[in-house]
Every structure is written in structure tokens, then in C-alpha cells.
Amino acid sequence: MKLVEDQFNSTFARWKILLPSGDVENRHRGKIVKAGWAIWYLFGSDKKGEFLDYYASHRMTNDRHVRIYSSGEMKGLPVIREMRICSKDPEEDKRLETKFCAANQRVERLLKKKGFGITGDEPGGVQINRFLRVRGSG
């Protein structure tokens, strides 16, 4: 799992965020709240081998949902989208917003099932962004 730890640590090096070595060794799930980030992570395995899944949110950037395999291979997973298509037509815009929120609600359910739901200790901007992206303006 050295490649997993290295990939994760490299991704967040700018913010001096490191995956706790003890969690890697013991394959413990956890959450890091630091430098404006909320990063949930868990370990698992599938037919490709052991992996780390993480979901990272920061109010100033797009969310990231990534699987890193012990081989170092990385795979993008579904994320809560931050931008949606708008229309000047009010009815069409409402339809687009409903579609956007429904897609994000599906991802939110997946995240909660993985244990990556909002619990209240995340930075305020992360909590607000998640709420607005999933619930919309209405």
C-alpha cells in the first residue's frame, strides 16, 4: 500500500496533509479535516486488489472522489457536481435544476452509504456547498 500512501500524500502535499500511516497499516477508515479540506477515506478490495477510496471537498475547488489501487492505478468515482446548465426559459431552467439536484442526490446517497456523509465537523464552506449542490436554490 506504499504506492497508495504516496499517491494520496502527493495529491495533498501543498496543504501538508498526509494519510495517517497507522490507518494505512491497519486499513482503518477515517476523515481528515485540515486546511479547509474535509477528506473521507476507507480501504477495501475488489478483483483488482486492495484500494483506498477517498472523497475530498474544499469550498474553493471541485470535489474529488478517487480510488487508488495498491498498484498505483487511480480511478475517478462519482462526485457531487458543482456547476449546472442554466436556461433563460424559467420552465426549462427548473427542469435543468431538478435534473442536476437528482444526479447529485444519487451521489450523496452513495457517499452516505460509504460513510462519507456530512457530520458537522467539516469546514462551513464544505457543508454549505454540499447542501446547495444537492438541494438547489428552491
Protein backbone atom coordinates (compact mmCIF):
# COMPACT_ATOMS: atom_id res chain seq x y z
CA MET A 1 0.00 0.00 0.00
CA LYS A 2 3.07 2.24 -0.20
CA LEU A 3 2.01 3.49 -3.66
CA VAL A 4 -1.45 4.34 -2.32
CA GLU A 5 0.01 6.34 0.54
CA ASP A 6 2.48 8.09 -1.78
CA GLN A 7 -0.22 9.00 -4.34
CA PHE A 8 -2.54 10.39 -1.66
CA ASN A 9 0.21 12.33 0.11
CA SER A 10 1.45 13.77 -3.18
CA THR A 11 -2.05 14.98 -4.06
CA PHE A 12 -2.38 16.93 -0.81
CA ALA A 13 1.28 17.87 -0.24
CA ARG A 14 0.61 21.57 -0.91
CA TRP A 15 -1.58 21.64 2.22
CA LYS A 16 0.76 19.42 4.28
CA ILE A 17 -1.97 16.77 4.51
CA LEU A 18 -0.79 13.19 4.98
CA LEU A 19 -2.71 9.94 5.17
CA PRO A 20 -2.14 8.62 8.72
CA SER A 21 0.38 5.75 8.44
CA GLY A 22 -1.34 3.78 11.19
CA ASP A 23 -4.61 3.90 9.27
CA VAL A 24 -2.84 2.57 6.17
CA GLU A 25 -1.16 -0.25 8.11
CA ASN A 26 -4.39 -1.24 9.87
CA ARG A 27 -6.72 -0.38 6.94
CA HIS A 28 -8.80 1.93 9.16
CA ARG A 29 -11.27 4.35 7.66
CA GLY A 30 -11.08 7.96 8.72
CA LYS A 31 -11.55 11.61 7.94
CA ILE A 32 -9.06 14.44 7.74
CA VAL A 33 -10.28 17.99 8.38
CA LYS A 34 -7.41 20.37 7.71
CA ALA A 35 -6.53 23.49 5.71
CA GLY A 36 -10.15 23.93 4.58
CA TRP A 37 -10.42 20.31 3.39
CA ALA A 38 -12.70 17.53 4.51
CA ILE A 39 -11.31 14.23 3.23
CA TRP A 40 -13.09 10.97 3.99
CA TYR A 41 -11.27 7.70 3.24
CA LEU A 42 -11.70 3.95 3.53
CA PHE A 43 -9.86 0.83 2.48
CA GLY A 44 -11.26 -2.12 0.57
CA SER A 45 -10.53 -4.68 -2.09
CA ASP A 46 -12.05 -5.94 -5.29
CA LYS A 47 -10.93 -8.16 -8.20
CA LYS A 48 -8.11 -5.69 -8.97
CA GLY A 49 -6.76 -5.86 -5.42
CA GLU A 50 -6.59 -3.61 -2.37
CA PHE A 51 -7.52 0.04 -2.70
CA LEU A 52 -8.12 3.31 -0.89
CA ASP A 53 -11.25 5.31 -1.73
CA TYR A 54 -11.33 8.95 -0.74
CA TYR A 55 -13.72 11.83 -1.15
CA ALA A 56 -12.19 15.29 -0.78
CA SER A 57 -14.11 18.57 -0.54
CA HIS A 58 -12.88 22.14 -0.26
CA ARG A 59 -15.00 25.24 -0.77
CA MET A 60 -12.51 26.66 -3.29
CA THR A 61 -12.32 23.71 -5.71
CA ASN A 62 -14.20 20.80 -7.24
CA ASP A 63 -14.87 17.72 -5.13
CA ARG A 64 -12.71 14.66 -5.81
CA HIS A 65 -13.74 11.04 -5.40
CA VAL A 66 -10.86 8.73 -6.20
CA ARG A 67 -9.91 5.07 -5.88
CA ILE A 68 -6.19 4.33 -5.63
CA TYR A 69 -5.23 0.68 -6.08
CA SER A 70 -2.18 -0.84 -4.41
CA SER A 71 -0.63 -0.95 -7.91
CA GLY A 72 -0.80 2.87 -8.02
CA GLU A 73 -3.61 2.86 -10.59
CA MET A 74 -6.10 5.65 -9.96
CA LYS A 75 -9.77 5.64 -10.92
CA GLY A 76 -12.23 8.54 -10.74
CA LEU A 77 -15.50 7.82 -8.95
CA PRO A 78 -18.82 9.76 -9.00
CA VAL A 79 -18.72 13.25 -7.47
CA ILE A 80 -21.23 15.86 -6.49
CA ARG A 81 -21.12 18.26 -9.42
CA GLU A 82 -20.71 21.94 -8.74
CA MET A 83 -21.92 23.54 -11.97
CA ARG A 84 -25.13 23.09 -13.90
CA ILE A 85 -26.50 24.16 -17.24
CA CYS A 86 -28.95 27.07 -16.99
CA SER A 87 -31.62 28.37 -19.32
CA LYS A 88 -33.26 31.77 -19.74
CA ASP A 89 -36.58 29.94 -20.05
CA PRO A 90 -37.86 29.57 -16.44
CA GLU A 91 -39.55 26.21 -17.04
CA GLU A 92 -36.50 24.75 -18.77
CA ASP A 93 -34.23 26.14 -16.06
CA LYS A 94 -36.34 24.50 -13.36
CA ARG A 95 -36.16 21.18 -15.24
CA LEU A 96 -32.37 21.50 -15.54
CA GLU A 97 -32.04 22.31 -11.84
CA THR A 98 -34.22 19.34 -10.89
CA LYS A 99 -32.10 17.04 -13.06
CA PHE A 100 -28.87 18.45 -11.58
CA CYS A 101 -30.09 18.02 -8.00
CA ALA A 102 -31.37 14.49 -8.67
CA ALA A 103 -27.95 13.45 -10.03
CA ASN A 104 -26.19 14.98 -7.02
CA GLN A 105 -28.66 13.36 -4.62
CA ARG A 106 -27.81 9.95 -6.12
CA VAL A 107 -24.12 10.62 -5.45
CA GLU A 108 -24.88 11.91 -1.94
CA ARG A 109 -26.70 8.63 -1.14
CA LEU A 110 -23.66 6.69 -2.39
CA LEU A 111 -21.36 8.82 -0.23
CA LYS A 112 -23.52 8.37 2.88
CA LYS A 113 -23.60 4.60 2.29
CA LYS A 114 -19.78 4.64 2.22
CA GLY A 115 -19.68 6.68 5.42
CA PHE A 116 -18.67 9.88 3.61
CA GLY A 117 -21.67 11.95 4.71
CA ILE A 118 -21.55 15.38 6.32
CA THR A 119 -21.34 15.07 10.13
CA GLY A 120 -20.87 18.69 11.18
CA ASP A 121 -17.13 18.87 11.85
CA GLU A 122 -16.32 19.80 8.24
CA PRO A 123 -15.42 23.41 7.33
CA GLY A 124 -18.53 25.58 6.90
CA GLY A 125 -17.90 26.13 3.20
CA VAL A 126 -17.77 22.37 2.58
CA GLN A 127 -21.07 21.88 4.42
CA ILE A 128 -22.78 24.76 2.62
CA ASN A 129 -21.53 23.72 -0.82
CA ARG A 130 -22.70 20.14 -0.32
CA PHE A 131 -26.14 21.35 0.81
CA LEU A 132 -26.59 23.80 -2.08
CA ARG A 133 -25.33 21.41 -4.75
CA VAL A 134 -27.65 18.66 -3.59
CA ARG A 135 -30.74 20.70 -2.69
CA GLY A 136 -30.56 23.54 -5.23
CA SER A 137 -31.87 27.05 -4.85
CA GLY A 138 -35.51 26.09 -4.29
